[in-house]
Amino acid sequence: MKNNEIKNPKMEVPTGMEMNDRDYLNSILELEKNMSNNYSIALNEASNDYLYEDYFTLLEDTKDAAREAYNLMFEYGWYTLEEAEEQKVNEKIHCLEQKIKDLKGEA
C-alpha cells in the first residue's frame, strides 16, 4: 500500500501533567474555532449593518488566527494530512452531483 501521508517531522514536547507548547497551541486553535463559530451566529443575528461589519471583521480575524495556529501545528508535525486517492475523490464528486440533482428534483 502506498503511503499517502503528508507531514513534517514531529517536534517533540515534554510529557507529563504540565501543559506543553503543543497543548497551548491546540488550545488556541480550539478557542479560535469556537469563537469563529460564535461570530458566524452573531452575523446572522446582527441588528444593523454597522454591527454586521464589525462582527464580520472579527470573524475574519479569528479565522485567520485559527489558520495560523493550524499551519504552525502542521509545521511542527502535530497534524498529518493524507493525500486522497483519485478514485475516492471521483466517488465523492459523483455523490455530491447526485445530491444536487436530487435537491433540484432531477432524479
N, C-alpha and C. Protein backbone atom coordinates (compact mmCIF):
# COMPACT_ATOMS: atom_id res chain seq x y z
N MET A 1 0.85 -1.19 0.00
CA MET A 1 0.00 0.00 0.00
C MET A 1 0.88 1.24 0.00
N LYS A 2 0.53 2.19 -0.82
CA LYS A 2 1.27 3.43 -0.94
C LYS A 2 1.02 4.35 0.25
N ASN A 3 2.08 5.00 0.74
CA ASN A 3 1.94 5.92 1.87
C ASN A 3 1.47 7.27 1.34
N ASN A 4 0.26 7.66 1.70
CA ASN A 4 -0.33 8.92 1.22
C ASN A 4 -0.20 10.05 2.24
N GLU A 5 0.60 9.84 3.28
CA GLU A 5 0.69 10.85 4.33
C GLU A 5 1.51 12.05 3.88
N ILE A 6 1.01 13.21 4.25
CA ILE A 6 1.72 14.47 4.03
C ILE A 6 1.97 15.03 5.42
N LYS A 7 3.26 15.07 5.80
CA LYS A 7 3.55 15.51 7.16
C LYS A 7 4.96 16.07 7.25
N ASN A 8 5.21 16.75 8.33
CA ASN A 8 6.52 17.28 8.66
C ASN A 8 7.08 16.48 9.83
N PRO A 9 8.39 16.56 10.05
CA PRO A 9 8.95 15.88 11.22
C PRO A 9 8.32 16.42 12.50
N LYS A 10 7.98 15.52 13.41
CA LYS A 10 7.30 15.92 14.64
C LYS A 10 8.28 16.54 15.62
N MET A 11 7.92 17.73 16.11
CA MET A 11 8.70 18.37 17.16
C MET A 11 8.27 17.74 18.49
N GLU A 12 9.22 17.17 19.19
CA GLU A 12 8.91 16.53 20.46
C GLU A 12 8.69 17.58 21.54
N VAL A 13 7.74 17.29 22.41
CA VAL A 13 7.43 18.17 23.54
C VAL A 13 7.45 17.35 24.81
N PRO A 14 7.68 18.01 25.94
CA PRO A 14 7.70 17.26 27.21
C PRO A 14 6.34 16.63 27.49
N THR A 15 6.36 15.49 28.14
CA THR A 15 5.12 14.85 28.54
C THR A 15 4.96 15.01 30.05
N GLY A 16 3.77 14.83 30.51
CA GLY A 16 3.51 14.95 31.94
C GLY A 16 2.28 15.78 32.20
N MET A 17 2.12 16.21 33.42
CA MET A 17 0.93 16.95 33.82
C MET A 17 0.95 18.41 33.37
N GLU A 18 2.13 18.97 33.19
CA GLU A 18 2.26 20.37 32.77
C GLU A 18 1.87 20.52 31.29
N MET A 19 1.25 21.65 30.98
CA MET A 19 0.93 21.91 29.57
C MET A 19 2.23 22.20 28.83
N ASN A 20 2.31 21.70 27.59
CA ASN A 20 3.47 21.95 26.75
C ASN A 20 3.06 22.83 25.56
N ASP A 21 4.00 23.13 24.68
CA ASP A 21 3.72 24.00 23.54
C ASP A 21 2.58 23.46 22.67
N ARG A 22 2.58 22.15 22.47
CA ARG A 22 1.51 21.56 21.65
C ARG A 22 0.15 21.75 22.33
N ASP A 23 0.09 21.55 23.62
CA ASP A 23 -1.16 21.74 24.36
C ASP A 23 -1.66 23.18 24.24
N TYR A 24 -0.74 24.13 24.42
CA TYR A 24 -1.13 25.54 24.33
C TYR A 24 -1.62 25.88 22.93
N LEU A 25 -0.89 25.45 21.92
CA LEU A 25 -1.28 25.76 20.54
C LEU A 25 -2.60 25.08 20.18
N ASN A 26 -2.79 23.86 20.63
CA ASN A 26 -4.05 23.17 20.39
C ASN A 26 -5.21 23.89 21.07
N SER A 27 -4.97 24.40 22.27
CA SER A 27 -5.99 25.16 22.99
C SER A 27 -6.34 26.44 22.25
N ILE A 28 -5.33 27.12 21.73
CA ILE A 28 -5.56 28.34 20.96
C ILE A 28 -6.37 28.03 19.71
N LEU A 29 -6.01 26.96 19.02
CA LEU A 29 -6.74 26.58 17.80
C LEU A 29 -8.21 26.30 18.12
N GLU A 30 -8.46 25.54 19.16
CA GLU A 30 -9.83 25.22 19.55
C GLU A 30 -10.61 26.48 19.93
N LEU A 31 -9.96 27.39 20.65
CA LEU A 31 -10.59 28.65 21.03
C LEU A 31 -10.97 29.47 19.80
N GLU A 32 -10.05 29.59 18.85
CA GLU A 32 -10.32 30.37 17.64
C GLU A 32 -11.44 29.75 16.81
N LYS A 33 -11.47 28.44 16.74
CA LYS A 33 -12.54 27.76 16.01
C LYS A 33 -13.90 28.06 16.66
N ASN A 34 -13.95 27.94 17.98
CA ASN A 34 -15.21 28.19 18.69
C ASN A 34 -15.64 29.65 18.56
N MET A 35 -14.67 30.56 18.65
CA MET A 35 -15.01 31.98 18.51
C MET A 35 -15.55 32.27 17.12
N SER A 36 -14.93 31.69 16.09
CA SER A 36 -15.40 31.97 14.73
C SER A 36 -16.80 31.39 14.51
N ASN A 37 -17.09 30.24 15.12
CA ASN A 37 -18.45 29.70 15.03
C ASN A 37 -19.46 30.64 15.69
N ASN A 38 -19.09 31.19 16.83
CA ASN A 38 -19.99 32.11 17.52
C ASN A 38 -20.16 33.42 16.76
N TYR A 39 -19.08 33.92 16.15
CA TYR A 39 -19.21 35.14 15.33
C TYR A 39 -20.09 34.89 14.12
N SER A 40 -20.03 33.70 13.58
CA SER A 40 -20.89 33.36 12.44
C SER A 40 -22.37 33.45 12.83
N ILE A 41 -22.69 32.95 14.01
CA ILE A 41 -24.06 33.05 14.51
C ILE A 41 -24.42 34.51 14.74
N ALA A 42 -23.50 35.27 15.33
CA ALA A 42 -23.76 36.69 15.60
C ALA A 42 -24.01 37.46 14.29
N LEU A 43 -23.31 37.08 13.23
CA LEU A 43 -23.53 37.73 11.93
C LEU A 43 -24.97 37.56 11.48
N ASN A 44 -25.49 36.36 11.64
CA ASN A 44 -26.87 36.09 11.23
C ASN A 44 -27.88 36.89 12.05
N GLU A 45 -27.50 37.25 13.25
CA GLU A 45 -28.43 37.91 14.15
C GLU A 45 -28.12 39.39 14.36
N ALA A 46 -27.17 39.93 13.60
CA ALA A 46 -26.80 41.35 13.75
C ALA A 46 -28.00 42.24 13.45
N SER A 47 -28.21 43.22 14.30
CA SER A 47 -29.41 44.06 14.18
C SER A 47 -29.25 45.21 13.18
N ASN A 48 -28.02 45.52 12.78
CA ASN A 48 -27.84 46.57 11.78
C ASN A 48 -26.55 46.34 11.00
N ASP A 49 -26.37 47.10 9.94
CA ASP A 49 -25.22 46.89 9.05
C ASP A 49 -23.89 47.20 9.73
N TYR A 50 -23.84 48.20 10.60
CA TYR A 50 -22.58 48.54 11.27
C TYR A 50 -22.13 47.40 12.19
N LEU A 51 -23.07 46.86 12.93
CA LEU A 51 -22.76 45.74 13.81
C LEU A 51 -22.33 44.53 12.99
N TYR A 52 -23.03 44.30 11.88
CA TYR A 52 -22.69 43.20 10.99
C TYR A 52 -21.25 43.34 10.49
N GLU A 53 -20.86 44.52 10.06
CA GLU A 53 -19.50 44.74 9.56
C GLU A 53 -18.45 44.51 10.65
N ASP A 54 -18.75 44.96 11.87
CA ASP A 54 -17.83 44.73 12.98
C ASP A 54 -17.67 43.24 13.27
N TYR A 55 -18.78 42.52 13.32
CA TYR A 55 -18.73 41.08 13.54
C TYR A 55 -17.98 40.38 12.41
N PHE A 56 -18.21 40.85 11.19
CA PHE A 56 -17.56 40.22 10.04
C PHE A 56 -16.04 40.39 10.12
N THR A 57 -15.59 41.57 10.51
CA THR A 57 -14.15 41.80 10.69
C THR A 57 -13.58 40.88 11.76
N LEU A 58 -14.30 40.76 12.88
CA LEU A 58 -13.86 39.86 13.95
C LEU A 58 -13.84 38.40 13.48
N LEU A 59 -14.83 38.02 12.68
CA LEU A 59 -14.86 36.66 12.14
C LEU A 59 -13.63 36.40 11.27
N GLU A 60 -13.32 37.34 10.40
CA GLU A 60 -12.13 37.18 9.54
C GLU A 60 -10.85 37.06 10.38
N ASP A 61 -10.74 37.89 11.40
CA ASP A 61 -9.56 37.85 12.26
C ASP A 61 -9.43 36.51 12.97
N THR A 62 -10.54 35.98 13.48
CA THR A 62 -10.47 34.70 14.19
C THR A 62 -10.20 33.55 13.22
N LYS A 63 -10.76 33.62 12.03
CA LYS A 63 -10.46 32.59 11.01
C LYS A 63 -8.98 32.61 10.65
N ASP A 64 -8.43 33.82 10.48
CA ASP A 64 -7.00 33.94 10.16
C ASP A 64 -6.14 33.38 11.30
N ALA A 65 -6.52 33.69 12.54
CA ALA A 65 -5.76 33.20 13.70
C ALA A 65 -5.83 31.68 13.79
N ALA A 66 -7.01 31.11 13.51
CA ALA A 66 -7.15 29.65 13.53
C ALA A 66 -6.29 29.02 12.45
N ARG A 67 -6.27 29.63 11.29
CA ARG A 67 -5.45 29.09 10.19
C ARG A 67 -3.96 29.15 10.52
N GLU A 68 -3.54 30.25 11.14
CA GLU A 68 -2.14 30.38 11.54
C GLU A 68 -1.77 29.31 12.58
N ALA A 69 -2.66 29.07 13.54
CA ALA A 69 -2.40 28.06 14.57
C ALA A 69 -2.33 26.68 13.92
N TYR A 70 -3.26 26.40 13.01
CA TYR A 70 -3.24 25.12 12.31
C TYR A 70 -1.94 24.94 11.52
N ASN A 71 -1.55 25.98 10.78
CA ASN A 71 -0.32 25.90 9.99
C ASN A 71 0.90 25.65 10.86
N LEU A 72 0.96 26.28 12.03
CA LEU A 72 2.06 26.03 12.96
C LEU A 72 2.05 24.58 13.44
N MET A 73 0.88 24.08 13.77
CA MET A 73 0.79 22.70 14.24
C MET A 73 1.21 21.73 13.13
N PHE A 74 0.86 22.03 11.89
CA PHE A 74 1.28 21.19 10.78
C PHE A 74 2.79 21.29 10.58
N GLU A 75 3.31 22.52 10.67
CA GLU A 75 4.75 22.74 10.51
C GLU A 75 5.55 21.95 11.55
N TYR A 76 5.04 21.88 12.78
CA TYR A 76 5.73 21.17 13.86
C TYR A 76 5.47 19.66 13.83
N GLY A 77 4.69 19.21 12.85
CA GLY A 77 4.44 17.78 12.72
C GLY A 77 3.35 17.25 13.63
N TRP A 78 2.54 18.14 14.19
CA TRP A 78 1.48 17.72 15.11
C TRP A 78 0.17 17.45 14.39
N TYR A 79 0.12 17.72 13.11
CA TYR A 79 -1.02 17.37 12.24
C TYR A 79 -0.47 16.65 11.04
N THR A 80 -1.14 15.60 10.62
CA THR A 80 -0.76 14.85 9.44
C THR A 80 -1.94 14.85 8.48
N LEU A 81 -1.66 15.08 7.22
CA LEU A 81 -2.69 15.05 6.19
C LEU A 81 -2.51 13.78 5.36
N GLU A 82 -3.55 13.42 4.66
CA GLU A 82 -3.47 12.27 3.79
C GLU A 82 -3.93 12.67 2.39
N GLU A 83 -3.09 12.36 1.42
CA GLU A 83 -3.45 12.66 0.03
C GLU A 83 -4.57 11.70 -0.38
N ALA A 84 -5.64 12.26 -0.90
CA ALA A 84 -6.78 11.44 -1.30
C ALA A 84 -6.49 10.72 -2.61
N GLU A 85 -6.93 9.48 -2.69
CA GLU A 85 -6.80 8.72 -3.92
C GLU A 85 -7.80 9.26 -4.94
N GLU A 86 -7.40 9.27 -6.19
CA GLU A 86 -8.24 9.83 -7.25
C GLU A 86 -9.61 9.16 -7.29
N GLN A 87 -9.66 7.86 -7.09
CA GLN A 87 -10.93 7.14 -7.12
C GLN A 87 -11.87 7.65 -6.02
N LYS A 88 -11.34 7.88 -4.82
CA LYS A 88 -12.16 8.37 -3.72
C LYS A 88 -12.67 9.77 -4.01
N VAL A 89 -11.83 10.62 -4.61
CA VAL A 89 -12.24 11.97 -4.97
C VAL A 89 -13.38 11.90 -5.98
N ASN A 90 -13.22 11.06 -7.00
CA ASN A 90 -14.26 10.93 -8.03
C ASN A 90 -15.56 10.39 -7.47
N GLU A 91 -15.47 9.45 -6.52
CA GLU A 91 -16.68 8.93 -5.87
C GLU A 91 -17.40 10.03 -5.11
N LYS A 92 -16.63 10.86 -4.40
CA LYS A 92 -17.24 11.96 -3.63
C LYS A 92 -17.90 12.97 -4.57
N ILE A 93 -17.23 13.28 -5.68
CA ILE A 93 -17.81 14.21 -6.66
C ILE A 93 -19.12 13.66 -7.20
N HIS A 94 -19.12 12.38 -7.55
CA HIS A 94 -20.34 11.76 -8.07
C HIS A 94 -21.47 11.81 -7.03
N CYS A 95 -21.12 11.52 -5.78
CA CYS A 95 -22.11 11.54 -4.70
C CYS A 95 -22.71 12.94 -4.54
N LEU A 96 -21.86 13.96 -4.55
CA LEU A 96 -22.33 15.34 -4.40
C LEU A 96 -23.16 15.78 -5.60
N GLU A 97 -22.76 15.37 -6.80
CA GLU A 97 -23.54 15.70 -8.00
C GLU A 97 -24.92 15.08 -7.93
N GLN A 98 -24.99 13.84 -7.42
CA GLN A 98 -26.27 13.17 -7.27
C GLN A 98 -27.15 13.89 -6.25
N LYS A 99 -26.57 14.34 -5.14
CA LYS A 99 -27.33 15.08 -4.14
C LYS A 99 -27.89 16.37 -4.72
N ILE A 100 -27.11 17.05 -5.53
CA ILE A 100 -27.56 18.29 -6.17
C ILE A 100 -28.73 18.00 -7.10
N LYS A 101 -28.62 16.94 -7.89
CA LYS A 101 -29.72 16.55 -8.78
C LYS A 101 -30.98 16.24 -7.99
N ASP A 102 -30.81 15.51 -6.87
CA ASP A 102 -31.94 15.17 -6.03
C ASP A 102 -32.61 16.42 -5.46
N LEU A 103 -31.81 17.37 -5.05
CA LEU A 103 -32.36 18.61 -4.49
C LEU A 103 -33.11 19.41 -5.55
N LYS A 104 -32.63 19.35 -6.78
CA LYS A 104 -33.29 20.06 -7.88
C LYS A 104 -34.48 19.28 -8.42
N GLY A 105 -34.67 18.05 -7.96
CA GLY A 105 -35.77 17.24 -8.44
C GLY A 105 -35.51 16.64 -9.80
N GLU A 106 -34.25 16.42 -10.12
CA GLU A 106 -33.87 15.87 -11.42
C GLU A 106 -33.59 14.37 -11.37
N ALA A 107 -34.04 13.74 -10.33
CA ALA A 107 -33.74 12.31 -10.13
C ALA A 107 -34.03 11.54 -11.37
